[in-house]
Amino acid sequence: MTRDASLTEFGVGGDDEEPADGTTGSESPDGEATAESGTIGGRDAPDPVRPTSRWSVDPRPCTDCGSQIQRAWTEDGRLLCSDCKDW
């Protein structure tokens, strides 16, 4: 991919056009806001963001080996040191 890549080359999204009926994605044709569960602008909502690591001033134990760590990496809901993390 070149440095001049367009954002549309990275997947679904980036469509700034309004629907042909003149409403936005959050309005019904009569101008009222709608609450679409699990969708954004008629598309499936993205998965929630999950952190890949955490840092703490106070060291905490690694879930697998028990060593005290400040930087913990997440894997399947567990906080692991970099040696125990399955890369």
PDB file of N, CA and C in Angstrom:
ATOM      1  N   MET A   1       0.853  -1.173   0.000  1.00  0.00           N
ATOM      2  CA  MET A   1       0.000   0.000   0.000  1.00  0.00           C
ATOM      3  C   MET A   1       0.904   1.243   0.000  1.00  0.00           C
ATOM      4  N   THR A   2       0.584   2.206  -0.775  1.00  0.00           N
ATOM      5  CA  THR A   2       1.396   3.407  -0.883  1.00  0.00           C
ATOM      6  C   THR A   2       1.035   4.413   0.193  1.00  0.00           C
ATOM      7  N   ARG A   3       1.840   5.402   0.377  1.00  0.00           N
ATOM      8  CA  ARG A   3       1.580   6.442   1.362  1.00  0.00           C
ATOM      9  C   ARG A   3       0.387   7.305   0.963  1.00  0.00           C
ATOM     10  N   ASP A   4       0.034   7.292  -0.316  1.00  0.00           N
ATOM     11  CA  ASP A   4      -1.079   8.101  -0.812  1.00  0.00           C
ATOM     12  C   ASP A   4      -2.386   7.328  -0.832  1.00  0.00           C
ATOM     13  N   ALA A   5      -2.496   6.282  -0.012  1.00  0.00           N
ATOM     14  CA  ALA A   5      -3.700   5.447  -0.011  1.00  0.00           C
ATOM     15  C   ALA A   5      -4.900   6.237   0.506  1.00  0.00           C
ATOM     16  N   SER A   6      -6.044   5.968  -0.076  1.00  0.00           N
ATOM     17  CA  SER A   6      -7.285   6.588   0.348  1.00  0.00           C
ATOM     18  C   SER A   6      -7.850   5.805   1.524  1.00  0.00           C
ATOM     19  N   LEU A   7      -8.560   6.460   2.422  1.00  0.00           N
ATOM     20  CA  LEU A   7      -9.166   5.785   3.563  1.00  0.00           C
ATOM     21  C   LEU A   7     -10.177   4.734   3.132  1.00  0.00           C
ATOM     22  N   THR A   8     -10.774   4.899   1.968  1.00  0.00           N
ATOM     23  CA  THR A   8     -11.755   3.923   1.495  1.00  0.00           C
ATOM     24  C   THR A   8     -11.104   2.589   1.153  1.00  0.00           C
ATOM     25  N   GLU A   9      -9.775   2.556   0.991  1.00  0.00           N
ATOM     26  CA  GLU A   9      -9.077   1.312   0.691  1.00  0.00           C
ATOM     27  C   GLU A   9      -8.932   0.427   1.924  1.00  0.00           C
ATOM     28  N   PHE A  10      -9.284   0.925   3.105  1.00  0.00           N
ATOM     29  CA  PHE A  10      -9.111   0.180   4.338  1.00  0.00           C
ATOM     30  C   PHE A  10     -10.361  -0.561   4.765  1.00  0.00           C
ATOM     31  N   GLY A  11     -11.423  -0.542   4.031  1.00  0.00           N
ATOM     32  CA  GLY A  11     -12.601  -1.322   4.370  1.00  0.00           C
ATOM     33  C   GLY A  11     -13.879  -0.525   4.251  1.00  0.00           C
ATOM     34  N   VAL A  12     -14.937  -1.086   4.852  1.00  0.00           N
ATOM     35  CA  VAL A  12     -16.265  -0.492   4.802  1.00  0.00           C
ATOM     36  C   VAL A  12     -16.275   0.797   5.610  1.00  0.00           C
ATOM     37  N   GLY A  13     -17.002   1.765   5.142  1.00  0.00           N
ATOM     38  CA  GLY A  13     -17.127   3.024   5.868  1.00  0.00           C
ATOM     39  C   GLY A  13     -16.615   4.178   5.032  1.00  0.00           C
ATOM     40  N   GLY A  14     -16.673   5.341   5.597  1.00  0.00           N
ATOM     41  CA  GLY A  14     -16.191   6.514   4.917  1.00  0.00           C
ATOM     42  C   GLY A  14     -17.144   7.072   3.893  1.00  0.00           C
ATOM     43  N   ASP A  15     -18.380   6.602   3.875  1.00  0.00           N
ATOM     44  CA  ASP A  15     -19.368   7.079   2.922  1.00  0.00           C
ATOM     45  C   ASP A  15     -20.040   8.310   3.510  1.00  0.00           C
ATOM     46  N   ASP A  16     -19.672   9.475   3.039  1.00  0.00           N
ATOM     47  CA  ASP A  16     -20.214  10.721   3.566  1.00  0.00           C
ATOM     48  C   ASP A  16     -21.474  11.170   2.846  1.00  0.00           C
ATOM     49  N   GLU A  17     -21.918  10.387   1.883  1.00  0.00           N
ATOM     50  CA  GLU A  17     -23.106  10.790   1.138  1.00  0.00           C
ATOM     51  C   GLU A  17     -24.357  10.565   1.969  1.00  0.00           C
ATOM     52  N   GLU A  18     -25.328  11.473   1.811  1.00  0.00           N
ATOM     53  CA  GLU A  18     -26.604  11.324   2.499  1.00  0.00           C
ATOM     54  C   GLU A  18     -27.510  10.423   1.675  1.00  0.00           C
ATOM     55  N   PRO A  19     -28.458   9.732   2.327  1.00  0.00           N
ATOM     56  CA  PRO A  19     -29.407   8.924   1.567  1.00  0.00           C
ATOM     57  C   PRO A  19     -30.186   9.783   0.565  1.00  0.00           C
ATOM     58  N   ALA A  20     -30.704   9.125  -0.472  1.00  0.00           N
ATOM     59  CA  ALA A  20     -31.407   9.846  -1.533  1.00  0.00           C
ATOM     60  C   ALA A  20     -32.654  10.561  -1.030  1.00  0.00           C
ATOM     61  N   ASP A  21     -33.237  10.093   0.103  1.00  0.00           N
ATOM     62  CA  ASP A  21     -34.453  10.737   0.599  1.00  0.00           C
ATOM     63  C   ASP A  21     -34.154  12.007   1.401  1.00  0.00           C
ATOM     64  N   GLY A  22     -32.870  12.369   1.546  1.00  0.00           N
ATOM     65  CA  GLY A  22     -32.501  13.614   2.226  1.00  0.00           C
ATOM     66  C   GLY A  22     -32.361  13.493   3.735  1.00  0.00           C
ATOM     67  N   THR A  23     -32.564  12.303   4.287  1.00  0.00           N
ATOM     68  CA  THR A  23     -32.408  12.133   5.732  1.00  0.00           C
ATOM     69  C   THR A  23     -30.991  11.717   6.045  1.00  0.00           C
ATOM     70  N   THR A  24     -30.619  11.826   7.299  1.00  0.00           N
ATOM     71  CA  THR A  24     -29.332  11.299   7.736  1.00  0.00           C
ATOM     72  C   THR A  24     -29.565   9.904   8.259  1.00  0.00           C
ATOM     73  N   GLY A  25     -28.512   9.181   8.626  1.00  0.00           N
ATOM     74  CA  GLY A  25     -28.653   7.815   9.107  1.00  0.00           C
ATOM     75  C   GLY A  25     -29.411   7.715  10.412  1.00  0.00           C
ATOM     76  N   SER A  26     -29.545   8.806  11.159  1.00  0.00           N
ATOM     77  CA  SER A  26     -30.223   8.747  12.449  1.00  0.00           C
ATOM     78  C   SER A  26     -31.624   9.347  12.390  1.00  0.00           C
ATOM     79  N   GLU A  27     -32.123   9.637  11.207  1.00  0.00           N
ATOM     80  CA  GLU A  27     -33.454  10.209  11.069  1.00  0.00           C
ATOM     81  C   GLU A  27     -34.332   9.316  10.208  1.00  0.00           C
ATOM     82  N   SER A  28     -35.607   9.321  10.510  1.00  0.00           N
ATOM     83  CA  SER A  28     -36.564   8.624   9.656  1.00  0.00           C
ATOM     84  C   SER A  28     -36.938   9.578   8.522  1.00  0.00           C
ATOM     85  N   PRO A  29     -37.628   9.100   7.469  1.00  0.00           N
ATOM     86  CA  PRO A  29     -37.997   9.987   6.369  1.00  0.00           C
ATOM     87  C   PRO A  29     -38.809  11.200   6.795  1.00  0.00           C
ATOM     88  N   ASP A  30     -39.530  11.113   7.927  1.00  0.00           N
ATOM     89  CA  ASP A  30     -40.302  12.277   8.373  1.00  0.00           C
ATOM     90  C   ASP A  30     -39.479  13.215   9.261  1.00  0.00           C
ATOM     91  N   GLY A  31     -38.157  12.950   9.406  1.00  0.00           N
ATOM     92  CA  GLY A  31     -37.271  13.855  10.127  1.00  0.00           C
ATOM     93  C   GLY A  31     -37.055  13.515  11.586  1.00  0.00           C
ATOM     94  N   GLU A  32     -37.655  12.424  12.073  1.00  0.00           N
ATOM     95  CA  GLU A  32     -37.487  12.061  13.471  1.00  0.00           C
ATOM     96  C   GLU A  32     -36.298  11.120  13.628  1.00  0.00           C
ATOM     97  N   ALA A  33     -35.618  11.234  14.775  1.00  0.00           N
ATOM     98  CA  ALA A  33     -34.472  10.371  15.052  1.00  0.00           C
ATOM     99  C   ALA A  33     -34.953   8.948  15.294  1.00  0.00           C
ATOM    100  N   THR A  34     -34.163   7.988  14.852  1.00  0.00           N
ATOM    101  CA  THR A  34     -34.488   6.587  15.079  1.00  0.00           C
ATOM    102  C   THR A  34     -33.391   5.940  15.889  1.00  0.00           C
ATOM    103  N   ALA A  35     -33.726   4.910  16.638  1.00  0.00           N
ATOM    104  CA  ALA A  35     -32.744   4.166  17.423  1.00  0.00           C
ATOM    105  C   ALA A  35     -32.645   2.765  16.844  1.00  0.00           C
ATOM    106  N   GLU A  36     -31.620   2.536  16.028  1.00  0.00           N
ATOM    107  CA  GLU A  36     -31.426   1.230  15.420  1.00  0.00           C
ATOM    108  C   GLU A  36     -30.450   0.449  16.282  1.00  0.00           C
ATOM    109  N   SER A  37     -30.906  -0.612  16.881  1.00  0.00           N
ATOM    110  CA  SER A  37     -30.070  -1.419  17.760  1.00  0.00           C
ATOM    111  C   SER A  37     -29.056  -2.212  16.937  1.00  0.00           C
ATOM    112  N   GLY A  38     -27.763  -2.048  17.260  1.00  0.00           N
ATOM    113  CA  GLY A  38     -26.718  -2.805  16.598  1.00  0.00           C
ATOM    114  C   GLY A  38     -26.316  -2.301  15.234  1.00  0.00           C
ATOM    115  N   THR A  39     -26.839  -1.170  14.789  1.00  0.00           N
ATOM    116  CA  THR A  39     -26.448  -0.640  13.491  1.00  0.00           C
ATOM    117  C   THR A  39     -26.094   0.834  13.608  1.00  0.00           C
ATOM    118  N   ILE A  40     -25.297   1.285  12.671  1.00  0.00           N
ATOM    119  CA  ILE A  40     -24.947   2.699  12.561  1.00  0.00           C
ATOM    120  C   ILE A  40     -25.144   3.072  11.107  1.00  0.00           C
ATOM    121  N   GLY A  41     -26.091   3.961  10.858  1.00  0.00           N
ATOM    122  CA  GLY A  41     -26.363   4.387   9.489  1.00  0.00           C
ATOM    123  C   GLY A  41     -26.759   3.234   8.588  1.00  0.00           C
ATOM    124  N   GLY A  42     -27.470   2.247   9.137  1.00  0.00           N
ATOM    125  CA  GLY A  42     -27.910   1.121   8.340  1.00  0.00           C
ATOM    126  C   GLY A  42     -26.881   0.014   8.198  1.00  0.00           C
ATOM    127  N   ARG A  43     -25.690   0.194   8.761  1.00  0.00           N
ATOM    128  CA  ARG A  43     -24.641  -0.829   8.698  1.00  0.00           C
ATOM    129  C   ARG A  43     -24.483  -1.460  10.077  1.00  0.00           C
ATOM    130  N   ASP A  44     -23.919  -2.675  10.118  1.00  0.00           N
ATOM    131  CA  ASP A  44     -23.643  -3.316  11.392  1.00  0.00           C
ATOM    132  C   ASP A  44     -22.647  -2.472  12.180  1.00  0.00           C
ATOM    133  N   ALA A  45     -22.898  -2.342  13.486  1.00  0.00           N
ATOM    134  CA  ALA A  45     -22.002  -1.587  14.356  1.00  0.00           C
ATOM    135  C   ALA A  45     -20.693  -2.358  14.538  1.00  0.00           C
ATOM    136  N   PRO A  46     -19.573  -1.662  14.685  1.00  0.00           N
ATOM    137  CA  PRO A  46     -18.301  -2.351  14.896  1.00  0.00           C
ATOM    138  C   PRO A  46     -18.255  -2.999  16.280  1.00  0.00           C
ATOM    139  N   ASP A  47     -17.382  -3.984  16.423  1.00  0.00           N
ATOM    140  CA  ASP A  47     -17.189  -4.613  17.720  1.00  0.00           C
ATOM    141  C   ASP A  47     -16.618  -3.593  18.696  1.00  0.00           C
ATOM    142  N   PRO A  48     -16.927  -3.726  19.992  1.00  0.00           N
ATOM    143  CA  PRO A  48     -16.374  -2.783  20.966  1.00  0.00           C
ATOM    144  C   PRO A  48     -14.851  -2.885  21.017  1.00  0.00           C
ATOM    145  N   VAL A  49     -14.210  -1.787  21.326  1.00  0.00           N
ATOM    146  CA  VAL A  49     -12.752  -1.738  21.413  1.00  0.00           C
ATOM    147  C   VAL A  49     -12.308  -2.418  22.702  1.00  0.00           C
ATOM    148  N   ARG A  50     -11.299  -3.282  22.588  1.00  0.00           N
ATOM    149  CA  ARG A  50     -10.754  -3.974  23.749  1.00  0.00           C
ATOM    150  C   ARG A  50      -9.276  -3.642  23.857  1.00  0.00           C
ATOM    151  N   PRO A  51      -8.812  -3.292  25.062  1.00  0.00           N
ATOM    152  CA  PRO A  51      -7.395  -2.963  25.205  1.00  0.00           C
ATOM    153  C   PRO A  51      -6.514  -4.195  25.011  1.00  0.00           C
ATOM    154  N   THR A  52      -5.316  -3.994  24.467  1.00  0.00           N
ATOM    155  CA  THR A  52      -4.380  -5.098  24.279  1.00  0.00           C
ATOM    156  C   THR A  52      -3.394  -5.204  25.429  1.00  0.00           C
ATOM    157  N   SER A  53      -3.213  -4.107  26.162  1.00  0.00           N
ATOM    158  CA  SER A  53      -2.322  -4.140  27.312  1.00  0.00           C
ATOM    159  C   SER A  53      -2.769  -3.101  28.334  1.00  0.00           C
ATOM    160  N   ARG A  54      -2.251  -3.269  29.527  1.00  0.00           N
ATOM    161  CA  ARG A  54      -2.523  -2.316  30.608  1.00  0.00           C
ATOM    162  C   ARG A  54      -1.225  -2.042  31.335  1.00  0.00           C
ATOM    163  N   TRP A  55      -1.129  -0.855  31.900  1.00  0.00           N
ATOM    164  CA  TRP A  55       0.045  -0.475  32.664  1.00  0.00           C
ATOM    165  C   TRP A  55      -0.427   0.042  34.003  1.00  0.00           C
ATOM    166  N   SER A  56       0.284  -0.311  35.059  1.00  0.00           N
ATOM    167  CA  SER A  56      -0.084   0.109  36.404  1.00  0.00           C
ATOM    168  C   SER A  56       1.163   0.541  37.156  1.00  0.00           C
ATOM    169  N   VAL A  57       1.033   1.577  37.986  1.00  0.00           N
ATOM    170  CA  VAL A  57       2.149   2.025  38.825  1.00  0.00           C
ATOM    171  C   VAL A  57       2.505   0.921  39.813  1.00  0.00           C
ATOM    172  N   ASP A  58       1.483   0.291  40.383  1.00  0.00           N
ATOM    173  CA  ASP A  58       1.698  -0.796  41.326  1.00  0.00           C
ATOM    174  C   ASP A  58       1.773  -2.114  40.563  1.00  0.00           C
ATOM    175  N   PRO A  59       2.888  -2.829  40.670  1.00  0.00           N
ATOM    176  CA  PRO A  59       2.999  -4.113  39.969  1.00  0.00           C
ATOM    177  C   PRO A  59       1.903  -5.079  40.406  1.00  0.00           C
ATOM    178  N   ARG A  60       1.443  -5.888  39.474  1.00  0.00           N
ATOM    179  CA  ARG A  60       0.425  -6.899  39.754  1.00  0.00           C
ATOM    180  C   ARG A  60       0.950  -8.239  39.256  1.00  0.00           C
ATOM    181  N   PRO A  61       0.412  -9.345  39.779  1.00  0.00           N
ATOM    182  CA  PRO A  61       0.921 -10.656  39.359  1.00  0.00           C
ATOM    183  C   PRO A  61       0.392 -11.068  37.983  1.00  0.00           C
ATOM    184  N   CYS A  62       1.252 -11.718  37.219  1.00  0.00           N
ATOM    185  CA  CYS A  62       0.853 -12.326  35.951  1.00  0.00           C
ATOM    186  C   CYS A  62      -0.107 -13.465  36.286  1.00  0.00           C
ATOM    187  N   THR A  63      -1.177 -13.590  35.527  1.00  0.00           N
ATOM    188  CA  THR A  63      -2.171 -14.627  35.784  1.00  0.00           C
ATOM    189  C   THR A  63      -1.589 -16.024  35.650  1.00  0.00           C
ATOM    190  N   ASP A  64      -0.619 -16.233  34.749  1.00  0.00           N
ATOM    191  CA  ASP A  64      -0.065 -17.565  34.522  1.00  0.00           C
ATOM    192  C   ASP A  64       1.115 -17.896  35.439  1.00  0.00           C
ATOM    193  N   CYS A  65       2.147 -17.047  35.454  1.00  0.00           N
ATOM    194  CA  CYS A  65       3.359 -17.399  36.196  1.00  0.00           C
ATOM    195  C   CYS A  65       3.473 -16.712  37.557  1.00  0.00           C
ATOM    196  N   GLY A  66       2.695 -15.657  37.797  1.00  0.00           N
ATOM    197  CA  GLY A  66       2.711 -14.986  39.094  1.00  0.00           C
ATOM    198  C   GLY A  66       3.784 -13.926  39.264  1.00  0.00           C
ATOM    199  N   SER A  67       4.645 -13.725  38.259  1.00  0.00           N
ATOM    200  CA  SER A  67       5.674 -12.690  38.378  1.00  0.00           C
ATOM    201  C   SER A  67       5.018 -11.311  38.447  1.00  0.00           C
ATOM    202  N   GLN A  68       5.624 -10.395  39.189  1.00  0.00           N
ATOM    203  CA  GLN A  68       5.099  -9.050  39.365  1.00  0.00           C
ATOM    204  C   GLN A  68       5.437  -8.209  38.134  1.00  0.00           C
ATOM    205  N   ILE A  69       4.425  -7.616  37.522  1.00  0.00           N
ATOM    206  CA  ILE A  69       4.611  -6.855  36.288  1.00  0.00           C
ATOM    207  C   ILE A  69       3.851  -5.533  36.358  1.00  0.00           C
ATOM    208  N   GLN A  70       4.387  -4.528  35.692  1.00  0.00           N
ATOM    209  CA  GLN A  70       3.676  -3.260  35.541  1.00  0.00           C
ATOM    210  C   GLN A  70       2.912  -3.233  34.227  1.00  0.00           C
ATOM    211  N   ARG A  71       3.508  -3.763  33.151  1.00  0.00           N
ATOM    212  CA  ARG A  71       2.842  -3.846  31.848  1.00  0.00           C
ATOM    213  C   ARG A  71       2.246  -5.240  31.725  1.00  0.00           C
ATOM    214  N   ALA A  72       0.926  -5.310  31.631  1.00  0.00           N
ATOM    215  CA  ALA A  72       0.227  -6.576  31.491  1.00  0.00           C
ATOM    216  C   ALA A  72      -0.440  -6.624  30.129  1.00  0.00           C
ATOM    217  N   TRP A  73      -0.290  -7.730  29.425  1.00  0.00           N
ATOM    218  CA  TRP A  73      -0.891  -7.941  28.123  1.00  0.00           C
ATOM    219  C   TRP A  73      -2.149  -8.768  28.307  1.00  0.00           C
ATOM    220  N   THR A  74      -3.218  -8.443  27.584  1.00  0.00           N
ATOM    221  CA  THR A  74      -4.472  -9.169  27.734  1.00  0.00           C
ATOM    222  C   THR A  74      -4.566 -10.300  26.712  1.00  0.00           C
ATOM    223  N   GLU A  75      -5.091 -11.436  27.188  1.00  0.00           N
ATOM    224  CA  GLU A  75      -5.344 -12.586  26.317  1.00  0.00           C
ATOM    225  C   GLU A  75      -6.483 -13.375  26.934  1.00  0.00           C
ATOM    226  N   ASP A  76      -7.594 -13.453  26.231  1.00  0.00           N
ATOM    227  CA  ASP A  76      -8.779 -14.170  26.705  1.00  0.00           C
ATOM    228  C   ASP A  76      -9.220 -13.696  28.086  1.00  0.00           C
ATOM    229  N   GLY A  77      -9.138 -12.397  28.335  1.00  0.00           N
ATOM    230  CA  GLY A  77      -9.570 -11.825  29.602  1.00  0.00           C
ATOM    231  C   GLY A  77      -8.561 -11.940  30.726  1.00  0.00           C
ATOM    232  N   ARG A  78      -7.404 -12.515  30.455  1.00  0.00           N
ATOM    233  CA  ARG A  78      -6.360 -12.648  31.481  1.00  0.00           C
ATOM    234  C   ARG A  78      -5.292 -11.591  31.265  1.00  0.00           C
ATOM    235  N   LEU A  79      -4.640 -11.171  32.360  1.00  0.00           N
ATOM    236  CA  LEU A  79      -3.535 -10.222  32.294  1.00  0.00           C
ATOM    237  C   LEU A  79      -2.232 -11.005  32.439  1.00  0.00           C
ATOM    238  N   LEU A  80      -1.383 -10.959  31.394  1.00  0.00           N
ATOM    239  CA  LEU A  80      -0.179 -11.774  31.333  1.00  0.00           C
ATOM    240  C   LEU A  80       1.069 -10.932  31.146  1.00  0.00           C
ATOM    241  N   CYS A  81       2.216 -11.480  31.577  1.00  0.00           N
ATOM    242  CA  CYS A  81       3.500 -10.834  31.283  1.00  0.00           C
ATOM    243  C   CYS A  81       3.863 -11.144  29.828  1.00  0.00           C
ATOM    244  N   SER A  82       4.859 -10.468  29.306  1.00  0.00           N
ATOM    245  CA  SER A  82       5.210 -10.652  27.897  1.00  0.00           C
ATOM    246  C   SER A  82       5.759 -12.056  27.626  1.00  0.00           C
ATOM    247  N   ASP A  83       6.331 -12.721  28.642  1.00  0.00           N
ATOM    248  CA  ASP A  83       6.837 -14.084  28.450  1.00  0.00           C
ATOM    249  C   ASP A  83       5.696 -15.104  28.329  1.00  0.00           C
ATOM    250  N   CYS A  84       4.591 -14.892  29.039  1.00  0.00           N
ATOM    251  CA  CYS A  84       3.462 -15.835  29.035  1.00  0.00           C
ATOM    252  C   CYS A  84       2.473 -15.563  27.902  1.00  0.00           C
ATOM    253  N   LYS A  85       2.504 -14.352  27.345  1.00  0.00           N
ATOM    254  CA  LYS A  85       1.578 -14.000  26.257  1.00  0.00           C
ATOM    255  C   LYS A  85       1.880 -14.827  25.029  1.00  0.00           C
ATOM    256  N   ASP A  86       0.839 -15.429  24.429  1.00  0.00           N
ATOM    257  CA  ASP A  86       0.982 -16.208  23.208  1.00  0.00           C
ATOM    258  C   ASP A  86       1.018 -15.257  22.024  1.00  0.00           C
ATOM    259  N   TRP A  87       2.181 -14.968  21.519  1.00  0.00           N
ATOM    260  CA  TRP A  87       2.334 -14.018  20.430  1.00  0.00           C
ATOM    261  C   TRP A  87       2.079 -14.728  19.148  1.00  0.00           C
TER     262      TRP A  87
END
